[in-house]
Amino acid sequence: MDITILGIESSCDDTSAAVLRGTTLLSNVIANQDVHMKYGGVIPELASRAHQQNIIPVVDAALKGAGITADEIDGIAFTRGPGLLGSLLVGVSFAKGLAIAKDIPLIEINHLQGHILSHFIDLPDREVPHPAFPFLCLLVSGGHTQIVLVRDHLDMEIIGSTIDDAAGEAFDKCAKVMNLPYPGGPVIDRLAKEGDPKRFKFAKPNVDGYDFSFSGLKTSFLYFLRDEMAANPNFIEENKADLCASLQHTIIQILITKLTKAAKAYEINNIAIAGGVSANSGLRTAIAEEGRKRDWKTFIPEFKFTTDNAAMIGITGYFHYLRDEFASLDVAPVARAAEL
């Protein structure tokens, strides 16, 4: 009989629950938190309060959507970290309570591994291609930018990461300087489609190996705007589309350059992207074009699996379940990936 996993995700500002039978997704429910938009970023205390309000109805909706009851769950996979401690605590506590009540084993999940393994989620209505091992995954999100060598479902090695800001942070911080709404990444992506990506030139970091740096780009962008605004106070408003297009083009070039370097050195042509920034249309197009040029087999996630969601937690839990890797009831959430 196929294993049924309930996945719970509460690492940041989205409360999500999903049910998978084997690798097939039966339901995936996400409750977003619009309360943060007016603050220009996620407020941890507000996020944890919203998770407390959302967790029970979201899990209930996921179970009903899958057509099962809690008694039919074989394992509860939950995000242990990284993320906001208050938010994680809600998900971890709920998972523990349900596990005790129904005598179901717990499975702790690394949120970042979940993003990568989202490529192995099967859908009930169609087949989804999965990357063959080994493959390289460019993991790009609001807080992390990494190149990961994936040898097996649970055998992963980070070969490159950001030494300062992540790509998503660069998008959001530069958007804030331009007075764009939060989250800034999707807004920049939308405006970039209307602009000239080669109009403005911004600094690109020179970092050894496969590591990334976006702090210098962010700073140069800020100083560029400061100087231009001194001469023309309406500069941003008059050039918003071109600014977004040029900024996005620069960030994507930085990502693609490092990924290409790693693919060549490791002689791997199976290339995937994952994480929230993988929803960026410019990056998706660039990966596909680079793949055609270099004869890569590229794997680009569906939009619904790019942002934080419990389906990716559930599929990762499934692979842990197969190895009898379960968590104890004294497990605690952790904020940083290094603590996992």
C-alpha atoms as a PDB file:
ATOM      1  CA  MET A   1       0.000   0.000   0.000  1.00  0.00           C
ATOM      2  CA  ASP A   2       1.263   3.478  -0.849  1.00  0.00           C
ATOM      3  CA  ILE A   3       2.510   5.651   1.985  1.00  0.00           C
ATOM      4  CA  THR A   4       0.370   8.688   2.804  1.00  0.00           C
ATOM      5  CA  ILE A   5       2.258  11.740   4.061  1.00  0.00           C
ATOM      6  CA  LEU A   6       0.861  14.954   5.518  1.00  0.00           C
ATOM      7  CA  GLY A   7       3.240  17.854   4.893  1.00  0.00           C
ATOM      8  CA  ILE A   8       3.228  21.032   6.990  1.00  0.00           C
ATOM      9  CA  GLU A   9       5.099  24.204   6.025  1.00  0.00           C
ATOM     10  CA  SER A  10       5.283  27.316   8.234  1.00  0.00           C
ATOM     11  CA  SER A  11       8.817  28.643   7.813  1.00  0.00           C
ATOM     12  CA  CYS A  12       7.967  32.236   6.951  1.00  0.00           C
ATOM     13  CA  ASP A  13       4.658  33.903   6.090  1.00  0.00           C
ATOM     14  CA  ASP A  14       2.736  31.162   4.268  1.00  0.00           C
ATOM     15  CA  THR A  15       0.824  28.478   6.150  1.00  0.00           C
ATOM     16  CA  SER A  16       0.561  25.359   4.016  1.00  0.00           C
ATOM     17  CA  ALA A  17      -0.523  21.743   4.313  1.00  0.00           C
ATOM     18  CA  ALA A  18      -0.414  19.033   1.662  1.00  0.00           C
ATOM     19  CA  VAL A  19      -1.206  15.354   1.342  1.00  0.00           C
ATOM     20  CA  LEU A  20       0.784  12.966  -0.855  1.00  0.00           C
ATOM     21  CA  ARG A  21       0.177   9.299  -1.514  1.00  0.00           C
ATOM     22  CA  GLY A  22       3.512   7.944  -2.524  1.00  0.00           C
ATOM     23  CA  THR A  23       4.920  10.677  -4.738  1.00  0.00           C
ATOM     24  CA  THR A  24       1.510  11.754  -6.051  1.00  0.00           C
ATOM     25  CA  LEU A  25       0.107  15.027  -4.762  1.00  0.00           C
ATOM     26  CA  LEU A  26      -3.490  14.760  -3.578  1.00  0.00           C
ATOM     27  CA  SER A  27      -3.895  18.259  -2.156  1.00  0.00           C
ATOM     28  CA  ASN A  28      -1.847  21.372  -1.461  1.00  0.00           C
ATOM     29  CA  VAL A  29      -3.418  24.244   0.473  1.00  0.00           C
ATOM     30  CA  ILE A  30      -1.676  27.572   1.094  1.00  0.00           C
ATOM     31  CA  ALA A  31      -2.869  30.500   3.208  1.00  0.00           C
ATOM     32  CA  ASN A  32      -1.002  33.693   2.360  1.00  0.00           C
ATOM     33  CA  GLN A  33      -0.453  36.587   4.761  1.00  0.00           C
ATOM     34  CA  ASP A  34      -1.173  39.943   3.135  1.00  0.00           C
ATOM     35  CA  VAL A  35      -0.715  41.733   6.465  1.00  0.00           C
ATOM     36  CA  HIS A  36       3.015  42.227   5.768  1.00  0.00           C
ATOM     37  CA  MET A  37       2.641  44.161   2.525  1.00  0.00           C
ATOM     38  CA  LYS A  38       2.192  47.563   4.141  1.00  0.00           C
ATOM     39  CA  TYR A  39       5.392  47.112   6.183  1.00  0.00           C
ATOM     40  CA  GLY A  40       7.639  46.312   3.214  1.00  0.00           C
ATOM     41  CA  GLY A  41       8.730  42.993   4.707  1.00  0.00           C
ATOM     42  CA  VAL A  42       7.686  40.106   6.919  1.00  0.00           C
ATOM     43  CA  ILE A  43       7.025  41.009  10.566  1.00  0.00           C
ATOM     44  CA  PRO A  44       7.891  37.841  12.556  1.00  0.00           C
ATOM     45  CA  GLU A  45       5.377  38.388  15.355  1.00  0.00           C
ATOM     46  CA  LEU A  46       2.517  38.998  12.931  1.00  0.00           C
ATOM     47  CA  ALA A  47       3.563  35.966  10.910  1.00  0.00           C
ATOM     48  CA  SER A  48       3.477  33.600  13.886  1.00  0.00           C
ATOM     49  CA  ARG A  49       0.068  34.917  14.978  1.00  0.00           C
ATOM     50  CA  ALA A  50      -1.325  34.361  11.495  1.00  0.00           C
ATOM     51  CA  HIS A  51       0.066  30.812  11.447  1.00  0.00           C
ATOM     52  CA  GLN A  52      -1.766  30.092  14.687  1.00  0.00           C
ATOM     53  CA  GLN A  53      -5.007  31.252  13.105  1.00  0.00           C
ATOM     54  CA  ASN A  54      -4.462  29.396   9.848  1.00  0.00           C
ATOM     55  CA  ILE A  55      -2.874  26.064  10.752  1.00  0.00           C
ATOM     56  CA  ILE A  56      -6.008  24.130  11.767  1.00  0.00           C
ATOM     57  CA  PRO A  57      -8.275  25.223   8.888  1.00  0.00           C
ATOM     58  CA  VAL A  58      -5.441  24.754   6.369  1.00  0.00           C
ATOM     59  CA  VAL A  59      -4.697  21.191   7.511  1.00  0.00           C
ATOM     60  CA  ASP A  60      -8.416  20.423   7.604  1.00  0.00           C
ATOM     61  CA  ALA A  61      -8.812  21.710   4.050  1.00  0.00           C
ATOM     62  CA  ALA A  62      -5.825  19.641   2.868  1.00  0.00           C
ATOM     63  CA  LEU A  63      -7.247  16.444   4.361  1.00  0.00           C
ATOM     64  CA  LYS A  64     -10.678  17.077   2.886  1.00  0.00           C
ATOM     65  CA  GLY A  65      -9.162  17.964  -0.478  1.00  0.00           C
ATOM     66  CA  ALA A  66      -7.289  14.663  -0.471  1.00  0.00           C
ATOM     67  CA  GLY A  67     -10.408  12.769   0.541  1.00  0.00           C
ATOM     68  CA  ILE A  68      -8.869  11.235   3.648  1.00  0.00           C
ATOM     69  CA  THR A  69      -9.058  11.503   7.417  1.00  0.00           C
ATOM     70  CA  ALA A  70      -6.227  12.000   9.869  1.00  0.00           C
ATOM     71  CA  ASP A  71      -6.414   8.276  10.742  1.00  0.00           C
ATOM     72  CA  GLU A  72      -5.164   7.418   7.241  1.00  0.00           C
ATOM     73  CA  ILE A  73      -1.909   9.389   7.561  1.00  0.00           C
ATOM     74  CA  ASP A  74       1.268   7.279   7.775  1.00  0.00           C
ATOM     75  CA  GLY A  75       3.683  10.119   8.534  1.00  0.00           C
ATOM     76  CA  ILE A  76       3.705  13.839   9.340  1.00  0.00           C
ATOM     77  CA  ALA A  77       6.473  15.801   7.639  1.00  0.00           C
ATOM     78  CA  PHE A  78       7.095  19.301   8.986  1.00  0.00           C
ATOM     79  CA  THR A  79       9.564  22.071   8.278  1.00  0.00           C
ATOM     80  CA  ARG A  80      12.104  22.196  11.081  1.00  0.00           C
ATOM     81  CA  GLY A  81      14.131  25.016   9.504  1.00  0.00           C
ATOM     82  CA  PRO A  82      15.578  27.258   8.349  1.00  0.00           C
ATOM     83  CA  GLY A  83      13.086  30.061   8.861  1.00  0.00           C
ATOM     84  CA  LEU A  84      11.508  32.360  11.414  1.00  0.00           C
ATOM     85  CA  LEU A  85      11.537  30.657  14.815  1.00  0.00           C
ATOM     86  CA  GLY A  86       8.073  31.839  15.823  1.00  0.00           C
ATOM     87  CA  SER A  87       6.561  30.680  12.552  1.00  0.00           C
ATOM     88  CA  LEU A  88       8.360  27.344  12.640  1.00  0.00           C
ATOM     89  CA  LEU A  89       7.273  26.764  16.215  1.00  0.00           C
ATOM     90  CA  VAL A  90       3.617  26.833  15.199  1.00  0.00           C
ATOM     91  CA  GLY A  91       4.078  24.159  12.553  1.00  0.00           C
ATOM     92  CA  VAL A  92       6.343  21.996  14.700  1.00  0.00           C
ATOM     93  CA  SER A  93       3.987  22.182  17.690  1.00  0.00           C
ATOM     94  CA  PHE A  94       0.946  21.316  15.604  1.00  0.00           C
ATOM     95  CA  ALA A  95       2.753  18.368  14.019  1.00  0.00           C
ATOM     96  CA  LYS A  96       3.761  17.067  17.448  1.00  0.00           C
ATOM     97  CA  GLY A  97       0.231  17.391  18.789  1.00  0.00           C
ATOM     98  CA  LEU A  98      -1.289  15.519  15.862  1.00  0.00           C
ATOM     99  CA  ALA A  99       1.441  12.871  16.025  1.00  0.00           C
ATOM    100  CA  ILE A 100       0.712  12.227  19.715  1.00  0.00           C
ATOM    101  CA  ALA A 101      -3.065  12.205  19.215  1.00  0.00           C
ATOM    102  CA  LYS A 102      -2.986   9.764  16.288  1.00  0.00           C
ATOM    103  CA  ASP A 103       0.243   7.860  17.070  1.00  0.00           C
ATOM    104  CA  ILE A 104       1.820   8.899  13.772  1.00  0.00           C
ATOM    105  CA  PRO A 105       5.597   9.196  13.251  1.00  0.00           C
ATOM    106  CA  LEU A 106       7.156  12.620  12.784  1.00  0.00           C
ATOM    107  CA  ILE A 107       9.564  13.506   9.987  1.00  0.00           C
ATOM    108  CA  GLU A 108      11.681  16.672  10.242  1.00  0.00           C
ATOM    109  CA  ILE A 109      12.429  18.422   6.963  1.00  0.00           C
ATOM    110  CA  ASN A 110      15.104  20.836   5.797  1.00  0.00           C
ATOM    111  CA  HIS A 111      13.132  23.544   3.997  1.00  0.00           C
ATOM    112  CA  LEU A 112      15.858  24.014   1.379  1.00  0.00           C
ATOM    113  CA  GLN A 113      15.944  20.310   0.522  1.00  0.00           C
ATOM    114  CA  GLY A 114      12.199  20.546   0.088  1.00  0.00           C
ATOM    115  CA  HIS A 115      12.572  23.193  -2.614  1.00  0.00           C
ATOM    116  CA  ILE A 116      14.981  20.967  -4.524  1.00  0.00           C
ATOM    117  CA  LEU A 117      12.864  17.819  -4.197  1.00  0.00           C
ATOM    118  CA  SER A 118       9.762  19.625  -5.463  1.00  0.00           C
ATOM    119  CA  HIS A 119      10.951  18.358  -8.855  1.00  0.00           C
ATOM    120  CA  PHE A 120       9.893  14.842  -7.816  1.00  0.00           C
ATOM    121  CA  ILE A 121       6.254  15.617  -7.072  1.00  0.00           C
ATOM    122  CA  ASP A 122       3.912  13.697  -9.364  1.00  0.00           C
ATOM    123  CA  LEU A 123       0.518  15.104 -10.303  1.00  0.00           C
ATOM    124  CA  PRO A 124      -2.600  12.934 -10.547  1.00  0.00           C
ATOM    125  CA  ASP A 125      -3.564  14.223 -13.995  1.00  0.00           C
ATOM    126  CA  ARG A 126      -0.225  14.098 -15.804  1.00  0.00           C
ATOM    127  CA  GLU A 127       3.346  12.902 -15.682  1.00  0.00           C
ATOM    128  CA  VAL A 128       6.016  15.386 -14.663  1.00  0.00           C
ATOM    129  CA  PRO A 129       9.613  14.864 -15.828  1.00  0.00           C
ATOM    130  CA  HIS A 130      12.101  14.320 -12.989  1.00  0.00           C
ATOM    131  CA  PRO A 131      15.809  15.175 -13.183  1.00  0.00           C
ATOM    132  CA  ALA A 132      18.175  12.209 -13.339  1.00  0.00           C
ATOM    133  CA  PHE A 133      21.006  11.934 -10.819  1.00  0.00           C
ATOM    134  CA  PRO A 134      23.379  13.570 -10.504  1.00  0.00           C
ATOM    135  CA  PHE A 135      22.040  17.018 -11.251  1.00  0.00           C
ATOM    136  CA  LEU A 136      22.838  20.589 -10.288  1.00  0.00           C
ATOM    137  CA  CYS A 137      20.138  22.713  -8.739  1.00  0.00           C
ATOM    138  CA  LEU A 138      20.271  26.491  -8.617  1.00  0.00           C
ATOM    139  CA  LEU A 139      18.325  27.235  -5.446  1.00  0.00           C
ATOM    140  CA  VAL A 140      17.263  30.874  -5.362  1.00  0.00           C
ATOM    141  CA  SER A 141      14.919  32.300  -2.747  1.00  0.00           C
ATOM    142  CA  GLY A 142      14.431  35.350  -0.592  1.00  0.00           C
ATOM    143  CA  GLY A 143      17.026  34.245   1.928  1.00  0.00           C
ATOM    144  CA  HIS A 144      19.232  31.741   0.119  1.00  0.00           C
ATOM    145  CA  THR A 145      21.159  31.462  -3.124  1.00  0.00           C
ATOM    146  CA  GLN A 146      22.993  28.178  -3.631  1.00  0.00           C
ATOM    147  CA  ILE A 147      24.255  25.771  -6.244  1.00  0.00           C
ATOM    148  CA  VAL A 148      23.614  22.258  -4.965  1.00  0.00           C
ATOM    149  CA  LEU A 149      25.051  19.025  -6.314  1.00  0.00           C
ATOM    150  CA  VAL A 150      22.280  16.436  -5.953  1.00  0.00           C
ATOM    151  CA  ARG A 151      23.552  12.847  -6.081  1.00  0.00           C
ATOM    152  CA  ASP A 152      20.369  11.220  -4.752  1.00  0.00           C
ATOM    153  CA  HIS A 153      17.087  12.270  -3.170  1.00  0.00           C
ATOM    154  CA  LEU A 154      18.725  12.885   0.195  1.00  0.00           C
ATOM    155  CA  ASP A 155      22.389  13.113  -0.812  1.00  0.00           C
ATOM    156  CA  MET A 156      23.105  16.768  -1.529  1.00  0.00           C
ATOM    157  CA  GLU A 157      26.209  18.940  -1.375  1.00  0.00           C
ATOM    158  CA  ILE A 158      26.242  22.733  -1.463  1.00  0.00           C
ATOM    159  CA  ILE A 159      29.078  23.691  -3.808  1.00  0.00           C
ATOM    160  CA  GLY A 160      28.316  27.411  -3.987  1.00  0.00           C
ATOM    161  CA  SER A 161      26.357  29.913  -1.917  1.00  0.00           C
ATOM    162  CA  THR A 162      25.998  33.636  -1.385  1.00  0.00           C
ATOM    163  CA  ILE A 163      28.554  35.286   0.861  1.00  0.00           C
ATOM    164  CA  ASP A 164      26.174  38.152   1.691  1.00  0.00           C
ATOM    165  CA  ASP A 165      22.734  38.963   0.289  1.00  0.00           C
ATOM    166  CA  ALA A 166      20.654  36.398  -1.566  1.00  0.00           C
ATOM    167  CA  ALA A 167      19.251  37.087  -5.029  1.00  0.00           C
ATOM    168  CA  GLY A 168      15.759  37.507  -3.604  1.00  0.00           C
ATOM    169  CA  GLU A 169      17.019  40.013  -1.051  1.00  0.00           C
ATOM    170  CA  ALA A 170      18.682  41.999  -3.816  1.00  0.00           C
ATOM    171  CA  PHE A 171      15.391  42.172  -5.697  1.00  0.00           C
ATOM    172  CA  ASP A 172      13.409  43.198  -2.624  1.00  0.00           C
ATOM    173  CA  LYS A 173      15.908  45.776  -1.331  1.00  0.00           C
ATOM    174  CA  CYS A 174      16.347  47.427  -4.728  1.00  0.00           C
ATOM    175  CA  ALA A 175      12.571  47.464  -5.176  1.00  0.00           C
ATOM    176  CA  LYS A 176      12.200  49.218  -1.837  1.00  0.00           C
ATOM    177  CA  VAL A 177      14.640  51.932  -2.940  1.00  0.00           C
ATOM    178  CA  MET A 178      12.417  52.509  -5.979  1.00  0.00           C
ATOM    179  CA  ASN A 179       9.330  52.664  -3.725  1.00  0.00           C
ATOM    180  CA  LEU A 180       7.866  49.539  -5.285  1.00  0.00           C
ATOM    181  CA  PRO A 181       5.457  47.428  -3.212  1.00  0.00           C
ATOM    182  CA  TYR A 182       6.533  44.351  -1.266  1.00  0.00           C
ATOM    183  CA  PRO A 183       7.427  41.706  -2.273  1.00  0.00           C
ATOM    184  CA  GLY A 184       9.595  43.474  -4.815  1.00  0.00           C
ATOM    185  CA  GLY A 185      10.738  40.539  -6.934  1.00  0.00           C
ATOM    186  CA  PRO A 186       7.429  39.916  -8.749  1.00  0.00           C
ATOM    187  CA  VAL A 187       6.924  43.658  -9.316  1.00  0.00           C
ATOM    188  CA  ILE A 188      10.400  44.048 -10.830  1.00  0.00           C
ATOM    189  CA  ASP A 189       9.754  41.013 -13.014  1.00  0.00           C
ATOM    190  CA  ARG A 190       6.516  42.518 -14.307  1.00  0.00           C
ATOM    191  CA  LEU A 191       7.999  45.945 -15.016  1.00  0.00           C
ATOM    192  CA  ALA A 192      11.127  44.425 -16.573  1.00  0.00           C
ATOM    193  CA  LYS A 193       9.029  43.040 -19.423  1.00  0.00           C
ATOM    194  CA  GLU A 194       8.345  46.618 -20.504  1.00  0.00           C
ATOM    195  CA  GLY A 195      11.946  47.885 -20.275  1.00  0.00           C
ATOM    196  CA  ASP A 196      15.329  47.717 -21.978  1.00  0.00           C
ATOM    197  CA  PRO A 197      17.617  45.280 -20.102  1.00  0.00           C
ATOM    198  CA  LYS A 198      20.765  46.805 -21.615  1.00  0.00           C
ATOM    199  CA  ARG A 199      20.042  50.464 -20.943  1.00  0.00           C
ATOM    200  CA  PHE A 200      21.847  50.673 -17.587  1.00  0.00           C
ATOM    201  CA  LYS A 201      25.003  48.859 -16.479  1.00  0.00           C
ATOM    202  CA  PHE A 202      25.447  47.810 -12.867  1.00  0.00           C
ATOM    203  CA  ALA A 203      28.383  46.325 -10.991  1.00  0.00           C
ATOM    204  CA  LYS A 204      28.954  42.581 -11.093  1.00  0.00           C
ATOM    205  CA  PRO A 205      30.913  40.949  -8.263  1.00  0.00           C
ATOM    206  CA  ASN A 206      34.139  39.033  -8.788  1.00  0.00           C
ATOM    207  CA  VAL A 207      33.884  36.126  -6.355  1.00  0.00           C
ATOM    208  CA  ASP A 208      36.032  33.002  -6.553  1.00  0.00           C
ATOM    209  CA  GLY A 209      34.592  29.551  -7.181  1.00  0.00           C
ATOM    210  CA  TYR A 210      30.863  29.053  -7.368  1.00  0.00           C
ATOM    211  CA  ASP A 211      29.885  31.498  -4.617  1.00  0.00           C
ATOM    212  CA  PHE A 212      27.682  34.527  -5.166  1.00  0.00           C
ATOM    213  CA  SER A 213      27.616  38.104  -3.911  1.00  0.00           C
ATOM    214  CA  PHE A 214      24.801  40.594  -4.372  1.00  0.00           C
ATOM    215  CA  SER A 215      25.633  43.199  -1.737  1.00  0.00           C
ATOM    216  CA  GLY A 216      27.855  45.182  -4.098  1.00  0.00           C
ATOM    217  CA  LEU A 217      25.192  45.207  -6.791  1.00  0.00           C
ATOM    218  CA  LYS A 218      22.639  46.481  -4.309  1.00  0.00           C
ATOM    219  CA  THR A 219      25.002  49.230  -3.119  1.00  0.00           C
ATOM    220  CA  SER A 220      25.974  50.315  -6.621  1.00  0.00           C
ATOM    221  CA  PHE A 221      22.320  50.445  -7.576  1.00  0.00           C
ATOM    222  CA  LEU A 222      21.585  52.661  -4.578  1.00  0.00           C
ATOM    223  CA  TYR A 223      24.436  55.080  -5.357  1.00  0.00           C
ATOM    224  CA  PHE A 224      23.481  55.171  -9.024  1.00  0.00           C
ATOM    225  CA  LEU A 225      19.932  56.191  -8.135  1.00  0.00           C
ATOM    226  CA  ARG A 226      21.175  58.754  -5.610  1.00  0.00           C
ATOM    227  CA  ASP A 227      23.348  60.470  -8.208  1.00  0.00           C
ATOM    228  CA  GLU A 228      20.677  60.414 -10.901  1.00  0.00           C
ATOM    229  CA  MET A 229      17.985  61.675  -8.517  1.00  0.00           C
ATOM    230  CA  ALA A 230      20.215  64.591  -7.543  1.00  0.00           C
ATOM    231  CA  ALA A 231      20.095  65.785 -11.145  1.00  0.00           C
ATOM    232  CA  ASN A 232      16.508  64.708 -11.846  1.00  0.00           C
ATOM    233  CA  PRO A 233      14.130  64.040  -8.923  1.00  0.00           C
ATOM    234  CA  ASN A 234      11.767  62.205 -11.285  1.00  0.00           C
ATOM    235  CA  PHE A 235      14.453  59.863 -12.605  1.00  0.00           C
ATOM    236  CA  ILE A 236      13.063  56.682 -11.047  1.00  0.00           C
ATOM    237  CA  GLU A 237       9.504  57.308 -12.151  1.00  0.00           C
ATOM    238  CA  GLU A 238      10.570  58.203 -15.683  1.00  0.00           C
ATOM    239  CA  ASN A 239      12.872  55.184 -16.063  1.00  0.00           C
ATOM    240  CA  LYS A 240      11.261  52.567 -13.832  1.00  0.00           C
ATOM    241  CA  ALA A 241      10.807  49.875 -16.494  1.00  0.00           C
ATOM    242  CA  ASP A 242      14.369  50.211 -17.814  1.00  0.00           C
ATOM    243  CA  LEU A 243      15.783  50.201 -14.282  1.00  0.00           C
ATOM    244  CA  CYS A 244      13.903  47.002 -13.446  1.00  0.00           C
ATOM    245  CA  ALA A 245      14.882  45.346 -16.721  1.00  0.00           C
ATOM    246  CA  SER A 246      18.567  46.235 -16.335  1.00  0.00           C
ATOM    247  CA  LEU A 247      18.670  45.186 -12.673  1.00  0.00           C
ATOM    248  CA  GLN A 248      16.963  41.877 -13.376  1.00  0.00           C
ATOM    249  CA  HIS A 249      19.229  41.215 -16.343  1.00  0.00           C
ATOM    250  CA  THR A 250      22.314  41.788 -14.164  1.00  0.00           C
ATOM    251  CA  ILE A 251      21.123  39.457 -11.389  1.00  0.00           C
ATOM    252  CA  ILE A 252      20.267  36.725 -13.871  1.00  0.00           C
ATOM    253  CA  GLN A 253      23.657  37.059 -15.570  1.00  0.00           C
ATOM    254  CA  ILE A 254      25.396  36.597 -12.217  1.00  0.00           C
ATOM    255  CA  LEU A 255      23.354  33.466 -11.510  1.00  0.00           C
ATOM    256  CA  ILE A 256      23.778  31.940 -14.957  1.00  0.00           C
ATOM    257  CA  THR A 257      27.534  32.604 -15.072  1.00  0.00           C
ATOM    258  CA  LYS A 258      28.156  30.699 -11.841  1.00  0.00           C
ATOM    259  CA  LEU A 259      25.787  27.881 -12.764  1.00  0.00           C
ATOM    260  CA  THR A 260      27.442  27.460 -16.157  1.00  0.00           C
ATOM    261  CA  LYS A 261      30.873  27.371 -14.530  1.00  0.00           C
ATOM    262  CA  ALA A 262      29.771  24.653 -12.112  1.00  0.00           C
ATOM    263  CA  ALA A 263      28.064  22.575 -14.801  1.00  0.00           C
ATOM    264  CA  LYS A 264      31.221  22.610 -16.908  1.00  0.00           C
ATOM    265  CA  ALA A 265      33.531  21.736 -14.007  1.00  0.00           C
ATOM    266  CA  TYR A 266      31.346  18.856 -12.764  1.00  0.00           C
ATOM    267  CA  GLU A 267      30.467  17.730 -16.307  1.00  0.00           C
ATOM    268  CA  ILE A 268      26.766  17.651 -15.497  1.00  0.00           C
ATOM    269  CA  ASN A 269      24.074  18.507 -18.015  1.00  0.00           C
ATOM    270  CA  ASN A 270      21.004  17.880 -15.841  1.00  0.00           C
ATOM    271  CA  ILE A 271      20.190  21.342 -14.509  1.00  0.00           C
ATOM    272  CA  ALA A 272      17.287  22.398 -12.281  1.00  0.00           C
ATOM    273  CA  ILE A 273      16.177  25.581 -10.565  1.00  0.00           C
ATOM    274  CA  ALA A 274      14.086  25.893  -7.414  1.00  0.00           C
ATOM    275  CA  GLY A 275      12.961  28.396  -4.788  1.00  0.00           C
ATOM    276  CA  GLY A 276      10.852  31.535  -4.875  1.00  0.00           C
ATOM    277  CA  VAL A 277      13.031  33.398  -7.378  1.00  0.00           C
ATOM    278  CA  SER A 278      12.664  30.489  -9.811  1.00  0.00           C
ATOM    279  CA  ALA A 279       9.232  31.981 -10.531  1.00  0.00           C
ATOM    280  CA  ASN A 280      10.993  34.934 -12.165  1.00  0.00           C
ATOM    281  CA  SER A 281      10.116  34.843 -15.862  1.00  0.00           C
ATOM    282  CA  GLY A 282      13.472  36.261 -16.918  1.00  0.00           C
ATOM    283  CA  LEU A 283      15.387  33.578 -15.037  1.00  0.00           C
ATOM    284  CA  ARG A 284      13.140  30.818 -16.365  1.00  0.00           C
ATOM    285  CA  THR A 285      13.689  32.014 -19.918  1.00  0.00           C
ATOM    286  CA  ALA A 286      17.441  32.392 -19.405  1.00  0.00           C
ATOM    287  CA  ILE A 287      17.789  28.851 -18.002  1.00  0.00           C
ATOM    288  CA  ALA A 288      15.819  27.404 -20.910  1.00  0.00           C
ATOM    289  CA  GLU A 289      17.874  29.341 -23.480  1.00  0.00           C
ATOM    290  CA  GLU A 290      21.156  28.380 -21.821  1.00  0.00           C
ATOM    291  CA  GLY A 291      19.989  24.780 -21.817  1.00  0.00           C
ATOM    292  CA  ARG A 292      19.342  24.811 -25.545  1.00  0.00           C
ATOM    293  CA  LYS A 293      22.708  26.421 -26.181  1.00  0.00           C
ATOM    294  CA  ARG A 294      24.688  24.018 -23.985  1.00  0.00           C
ATOM    295  CA  ASP A 295      22.618  20.876 -24.531  1.00  0.00           C
ATOM    296  CA  TRP A 296      21.404  20.802 -20.938  1.00  0.00           C
ATOM    297  CA  LYS A 297      18.357  18.918 -19.790  1.00  0.00           C
ATOM    298  CA  THR A 298      16.643  21.685 -17.852  1.00  0.00           C
ATOM    299  CA  PHE A 299      13.990  21.292 -15.173  1.00  0.00           C
ATOM    300  CA  ILE A 300      11.914  24.334 -14.286  1.00  0.00           C
ATOM    301  CA  PRO A 301       9.289  23.931 -11.537  1.00  0.00           C
ATOM    302  CA  GLU A 302       5.655  24.795 -11.973  1.00  0.00           C
ATOM    303  CA  PHE A 303       4.819  28.174 -10.496  1.00  0.00           C
ATOM    304  CA  LYS A 304       2.801  26.642  -7.651  1.00  0.00           C
ATOM    305  CA  PHE A 305       5.894  24.782  -6.426  1.00  0.00           C
ATOM    306  CA  THR A 306       8.295  27.740  -6.507  1.00  0.00           C
ATOM    307  CA  THR A 307       7.081  29.541  -3.398  1.00  0.00           C
ATOM    308  CA  ASP A 308       6.910  28.013   0.078  1.00  0.00           C
ATOM    309  CA  ASN A 309       4.440  25.117  -0.005  1.00  0.00           C
ATOM    310  CA  ALA A 310       3.783  21.920   1.915  1.00  0.00           C
ATOM    311  CA  ALA A 311       3.858  19.678  -1.170  1.00  0.00           C
ATOM    312  CA  MET A 312       7.652  19.975  -1.250  1.00  0.00           C
ATOM    313  CA  ILE A 313       7.775  19.160   2.470  1.00  0.00           C
ATOM    314  CA  GLY A 314       5.568  16.132   1.942  1.00  0.00           C
ATOM    315  CA  ILE A 315       7.632  14.695  -0.924  1.00  0.00           C
ATOM    316  CA  THR A 316      10.829  15.105   1.102  1.00  0.00           C
ATOM    317  CA  GLY A 317       9.106  13.416   4.011  1.00  0.00           C
ATOM    318  CA  TYR A 318       8.201  10.512   1.765  1.00  0.00           C
ATOM    319  CA  PHE A 319      11.849   9.825   0.919  1.00  0.00           C
ATOM    320  CA  HIS A 320      12.810  10.053   4.601  1.00  0.00           C
ATOM    321  CA  TYR A 321       9.964   7.669   5.469  1.00  0.00           C
ATOM    322  CA  LEU A 322      11.334   5.088   3.035  1.00  0.00           C
ATOM    323  CA  ARG A 323      14.584   5.163   5.022  1.00  0.00           C
ATOM    324  CA  ASP A 324      12.845   4.977   8.417  1.00  0.00           C
ATOM    325  CA  GLU A 325      14.261   8.390   9.310  1.00  0.00           C
ATOM    326  CA  PHE A 326      11.912   9.796  11.926  1.00  0.00           C
ATOM    327  CA  ALA A 327      12.093  12.624  14.470  1.00  0.00           C
ATOM    328  CA  SER A 328      11.615  12.430  18.211  1.00  0.00           C
ATOM    329  CA  LEU A 329       9.042  14.441  20.120  1.00  0.00           C
ATOM    330  CA  ASP A 330      11.755  16.628  21.649  1.00  0.00           C
ATOM    331  CA  VAL A 331      12.774  18.022  18.245  1.00  0.00           C
ATOM    332  CA  ALA A 332      12.950  21.831  18.155  1.00  0.00           C
ATOM    333  CA  PRO A 333      12.805  24.286  15.244  1.00  0.00           C
ATOM    334  CA  VAL A 334      15.986  26.039  14.139  1.00  0.00           C
ATOM    335  CA  ALA A 335      16.398  29.363  12.384  1.00  0.00           C
ATOM    336  CA  ARG A 336      19.586  28.696  10.405  1.00  0.00           C
ATOM    337  CA  ALA A 337      20.390  26.013   7.853  1.00  0.00           C
ATOM    338  CA  ALA A 338      23.744  25.375   9.560  1.00  0.00           C
ATOM    339  CA  GLU A 339      21.895  24.128  12.641  1.00  0.00           C
ATOM    340  CA  LEU A 340      20.107  21.334  10.775  1.00  0.00           C
END
